[in-house]
């Protein structure tokens, strides 16, 4: 029921309010497993992509979003389940990271579209950071294409530290699918993973035009 409301009500209303500029929809395969690999500027990125993509896109989200109690917990679960199509995962350790990739692989093997941010976390300065190789492991293991995605404007809609979205322009660009079938089965090869990841990030950069940061984007240390 919530998914139907999202499709018939939320998507049209959100598009009417924000009037997003959407480019390259024809590049997104309408069926079959596919990875949508995007730059990451705001928490709201995971709302923008599902609302503008031509098919359902699944994301991973930390389990805490699904375990709350009372009305707030119910609203959180409903939002992450129906709007973002999120799958809950535990985070913070190598084991949990490996389990997350396995869950993502399962989504792709079911012929679904999976969204991922190769940078790992949001860019607070607007630069495009070096990609982590999880996206390559998924592409090479599942044998699916990767569609690069560039977002422009989400950080203005919901800046870091803000809770209420603002009315700002947003642009979503879907690039041509990247085919890595020649390297299929080489997911354990670190050199192959790095090559694929770098190609994905180069495609995202070509769409976004962001300044490049030749380093990984690490999460700020907790105070």
Protein backbone atom coordinates (compact mmCIF):
# COMPACT_ATOMS: atom_id res chain seq x y z
CA UNK A 1 0.00 0.00 0.00
CA UNK A 2 2.77 2.45 0.94
CA UNK A 3 4.67 1.66 -2.27
CA UNK A 4 1.49 2.40 -4.26
CA UNK A 5 1.05 5.73 -2.46
CA UNK A 6 4.70 6.58 -3.16
CA UNK A 7 4.29 5.81 -6.86
CA UNK A 8 0.91 7.47 -7.41
CA UNK A 9 1.11 10.40 -4.99
CA UNK A 10 4.57 11.17 -3.62
CA UNK A 11 6.48 11.00 -6.89
CA UNK A 12 4.14 13.32 -8.83
CA UNK A 13 3.85 15.77 -5.90
CA UNK A 14 7.61 15.91 -5.34
CA UNK A 15 8.24 16.47 -9.05
CA UNK A 16 5.59 19.19 -9.17
CA UNK A 17 7.13 21.02 -6.20
CA UNK A 18 10.82 20.69 -7.04
CA UNK A 19 10.58 20.36 -10.81
CA UNK A 20 13.82 18.39 -11.06
CA UNK A 21 15.86 18.47 -14.24
CA UNK A 22 16.28 14.82 -15.22
CA UNK A 23 18.68 13.83 -17.98
CA UNK A 24 19.51 10.46 -19.50
CA UNK A 25 16.54 8.37 -18.33
CA UNK A 26 16.96 6.32 -21.49
CA UNK A 27 20.28 5.03 -20.13
CA UNK A 28 18.66 3.16 -17.23
CA UNK A 29 17.75 -0.44 -18.21
CA UNK A 30 14.06 -1.03 -17.51
CA UNK A 31 14.63 -4.58 -16.29
CA UNK A 32 17.41 -6.80 -15.00
CA UNK A 33 20.00 -6.22 -12.33
CA UNK A 34 21.78 -2.88 -12.57
CA UNK A 35 23.87 -0.71 -10.27
CA UNK A 36 23.20 3.04 -10.07
CA UNK A 37 26.48 4.53 -8.80
CA UNK A 38 26.12 8.14 -7.72
CA UNK A 39 28.05 10.99 -6.18
CA UNK A 40 26.91 11.75 -2.63
CA UNK A 41 26.14 15.28 -1.45
CA UNK A 42 23.24 15.03 0.99
CA UNK A 43 21.13 12.63 3.03
CA UNK A 44 18.32 13.44 0.63
CA UNK A 45 20.23 11.87 -2.30
CA UNK A 46 18.58 8.56 -1.41
CA UNK A 47 15.20 10.22 -1.86
CA UNK A 48 16.02 12.10 -5.05
CA UNK A 49 17.26 9.05 -6.97
CA UNK A 50 14.24 6.77 -6.29
CA UNK A 51 11.83 9.63 -7.06
CA UNK A 52 13.46 10.40 -10.42
CA UNK A 53 14.59 6.98 -11.66
CA UNK A 54 12.34 5.14 -14.14
CA UNK A 55 12.22 2.01 -11.94
CA UNK A 56 12.43 1.04 -8.28
CA UNK A 57 15.89 1.52 -6.81
CA UNK A 58 16.96 -0.21 -3.61
CA UNK A 59 19.45 1.16 -1.10
CA UNK A 60 21.03 -0.12 2.10
CA UNK A 61 20.36 1.85 5.29
CA UNK A 62 21.59 1.43 8.83
CA UNK A 63 19.42 -0.85 10.95
CA UNK A 64 18.71 1.88 13.53
CA UNK A 65 16.28 3.49 11.10
CA UNK A 66 14.05 0.41 11.37
CA UNK A 67 14.17 -0.33 15.09
CA UNK A 68 12.57 2.77 16.63
CA UNK A 69 9.47 2.54 18.77
CA UNK A 70 6.19 4.44 18.87
CA UNK A 71 4.90 6.75 16.17
CA UNK A 72 8.36 8.11 15.30
CA UNK A 73 9.70 4.59 14.82
CA UNK A 74 6.74 3.61 12.66
CA UNK A 75 7.10 6.71 10.48
CA UNK A 76 10.82 6.05 10.09
CA UNK A 77 10.27 2.43 9.03
CA UNK A 78 7.53 3.47 6.62
CA UNK A 79 9.69 6.16 5.05
CA UNK A 80 12.76 3.99 4.57
CA UNK A 81 10.75 1.01 3.38
CA UNK A 82 8.38 2.69 0.92
CA UNK A 83 10.19 5.83 -0.26
CA UNK A 84 13.82 4.73 -0.31
CA UNK A 85 13.16 0.99 -0.72
CA UNK A 86 15.85 0.58 1.91
CA UNK A 87 17.16 -2.70 3.24
CA UNK A 88 18.39 -2.58 6.86
CA UNK A 89 22.04 -3.47 7.55
CA UNK A 90 24.39 -3.34 10.51
CA UNK A 91 27.37 -1.05 10.03
CA UNK A 92 30.71 -0.32 11.59
CA UNK A 93 32.85 -3.46 11.19
CA UNK A 94 34.55 -5.39 8.40
CA UNK A 95 32.13 -8.27 8.95
CA UNK A 96 29.10 -5.98 8.68
CA UNK A 97 30.55 -4.38 5.53
CA UNK A 98 30.96 -7.80 3.93
CA UNK A 99 27.41 -8.73 4.93
CA UNK A 100 26.14 -5.49 3.37
CA UNK A 101 27.77 -6.36 0.05
CA UNK A 102 26.19 -9.82 0.18
CA UNK A 103 22.76 -8.25 0.73
CA UNK A 104 23.34 -5.89 -2.18
CA UNK A 105 24.41 -8.85 -4.33
CA UNK A 106 21.17 -10.63 -3.48
CA UNK A 107 19.18 -7.60 -4.64
CA UNK A 108 21.02 -7.56 -7.97
CA UNK A 109 20.63 -11.31 -8.45
CA UNK A 110 16.87 -10.82 -8.13
CA UNK A 111 17.04 -8.57 -11.19
CA UNK A 112 16.54 -5.33 -9.26
CA UNK A 113 18.23 -1.92 -9.42
CA UNK A 114 20.61 -1.16 -6.57
CA UNK A 115 21.85 2.33 -5.64
CA UNK A 116 25.32 2.86 -4.17
CA UNK A 117 27.62 5.76 -3.33
CA UNK A 118 31.19 4.66 -4.12
CA UNK A 119 32.58 7.56 -2.07
CA UNK A 120 31.11 5.88 0.99
CA UNK A 121 29.87 8.98 2.78
CA UNK A 122 28.63 12.46 1.90
CA UNK A 123 31.03 15.04 0.51
CA UNK A 124 30.91 18.00 2.88
CA UNK A 125 33.00 20.27 0.65
CA UNK A 126 31.38 19.43 -2.69
CA UNK A 127 34.41 17.65 -4.13
CA UNK A 128 34.26 14.19 -5.67
CA UNK A 129 36.31 11.76 -3.63
CA UNK A 130 38.07 8.55 -4.58
CA UNK A 131 35.73 5.58 -4.91
CA UNK A 132 35.86 2.50 -2.73
CA UNK A 133 35.90 -0.82 -4.54
CA UNK A 134 32.64 -2.30 -3.25
CA UNK A 135 30.89 -1.10 -6.41
CA UNK A 136 33.40 -3.03 -8.51
CA UNK A 137 33.02 -6.19 -6.43
CA UNK A 138 29.27 -6.07 -6.98
CA UNK A 139 29.52 -5.40 -10.71
CA UNK A 140 32.08 -8.13 -11.31
CA UNK A 141 30.35 -10.69 -9.09
CA UNK A 142 26.79 -10.09 -10.28
CA UNK A 143 27.80 -9.45 -13.89
CA UNK A 144 25.55 -6.40 -14.18
CA UNK A 145 26.10 -2.99 -15.82
CA UNK A 146 26.81 0.17 -13.84
CA UNK A 147 24.91 3.36 -14.62
CA UNK A 148 26.82 6.43 -13.39
CA UNK A 149 24.64 9.09 -11.76
CA UNK A 150 25.44 12.71 -11.00
CA UNK A 151 23.38 14.78 -8.59
CA UNK A 152 23.50 18.56 -8.46
CA UNK A 153 21.60 20.56 -5.85
CA UNK A 154 20.60 18.11 -3.08
CA UNK A 155 22.99 19.75 -0.61
CA UNK A 156 21.08 23.02 -1.13
CA UNK A 157 17.75 21.30 -0.48
CA UNK A 158 18.88 19.66 2.75
CA UNK A 159 22.23 21.01 4.02
CA UNK A 160 24.11 19.06 6.68
CA UNK A 161 22.55 19.70 10.08
CA UNK A 162 19.16 20.76 8.73
CA UNK A 163 15.96 18.73 9.12
CA UNK A 164 13.48 20.58 6.91
CA UNK A 165 14.01 20.48 3.12
CA UNK A 166 14.14 23.78 1.26
CA UNK A 167 12.87 24.60 -2.20
CA UNK A 168 15.94 24.51 -4.41
CA UNK A 169 16.72 23.34 -7.91
CA UNK A 170 17.99 19.79 -8.33
CA UNK A 171 19.45 18.09 -11.39
CA UNK A 172 19.85 14.34 -11.88
CA UNK A 173 21.96 13.00 -14.73
CA UNK A 174 21.98 9.30 -15.64
CA UNK A 175 24.95 8.34 -17.78
CA UNK A 176 25.41 5.56 -20.32
CA UNK A 177 25.73 2.08 -18.76
CA UNK A 178 29.26 0.83 -18.20
CA UNK A 179 29.79 -2.77 -19.29
CA UNK A 180 32.43 -4.72 -17.38
CA UNK A 181 31.52 -8.16 -18.70
CA UNK A 182 35.08 -8.65 -19.97
CA UNK A 183 36.21 -8.70 -16.33
CA UNK A 184 33.33 -10.79 -14.99
CA UNK A 185 34.52 -13.26 -12.38
CA UNK A 186 37.57 -11.19 -11.36
CA UNK A 187 35.99 -9.70 -8.25
CA UNK A 188 38.83 -11.06 -6.08
CA UNK A 189 41.44 -9.36 -8.23
CA UNK A 190 42.35 -6.10 -6.46
CA UNK A 191 43.75 -4.58 -9.66
CA UNK A 192 40.54 -5.33 -11.56
CA UNK A 193 38.40 -3.89 -8.76
CA UNK A 194 40.47 -0.72 -8.73
CA UNK A 195 40.26 -0.39 -12.51
CA UNK A 196 36.49 -0.76 -12.54
CA UNK A 197 36.00 1.63 -9.62
CA UNK A 198 38.19 4.28 -11.25
CA UNK A 199 36.22 3.99 -14.49
CA UNK A 200 32.95 4.40 -12.58
CA UNK A 201 34.25 7.48 -10.75
CA UNK A 202 35.57 8.98 -13.99
CA UNK A 203 32.10 8.57 -15.53
CA UNK A 204 30.46 10.21 -12.51
CA UNK A 205 32.98 13.07 -12.72
CA UNK A 206 32.25 13.57 -16.42
CA UNK A 207 28.56 14.02 -15.54
CA UNK A 208 28.97 16.13 -12.39
CA UNK A 209 31.98 18.31 -13.24
CA UNK A 210 32.95 18.34 -9.55
CA UNK A 211 36.44 19.20 -8.39
CA UNK A 212 38.34 15.98 -7.75
CA UNK A 213 39.82 15.07 -4.38
CA UNK A 214 42.62 12.53 -4.76
CA UNK A 215 41.84 10.86 -1.46
CA UNK A 216 39.12 8.85 0.26
CA UNK A 217 36.28 10.62 2.00
CA UNK A 218 36.51 9.31 5.57
CA UNK A 219 33.80 9.81 8.15
CA UNK A 220 34.67 12.49 10.74
CA UNK A 221 35.95 11.01 13.99
CA UNK A 222 33.36 11.04 16.76
CA UNK A 223 33.89 13.69 19.40
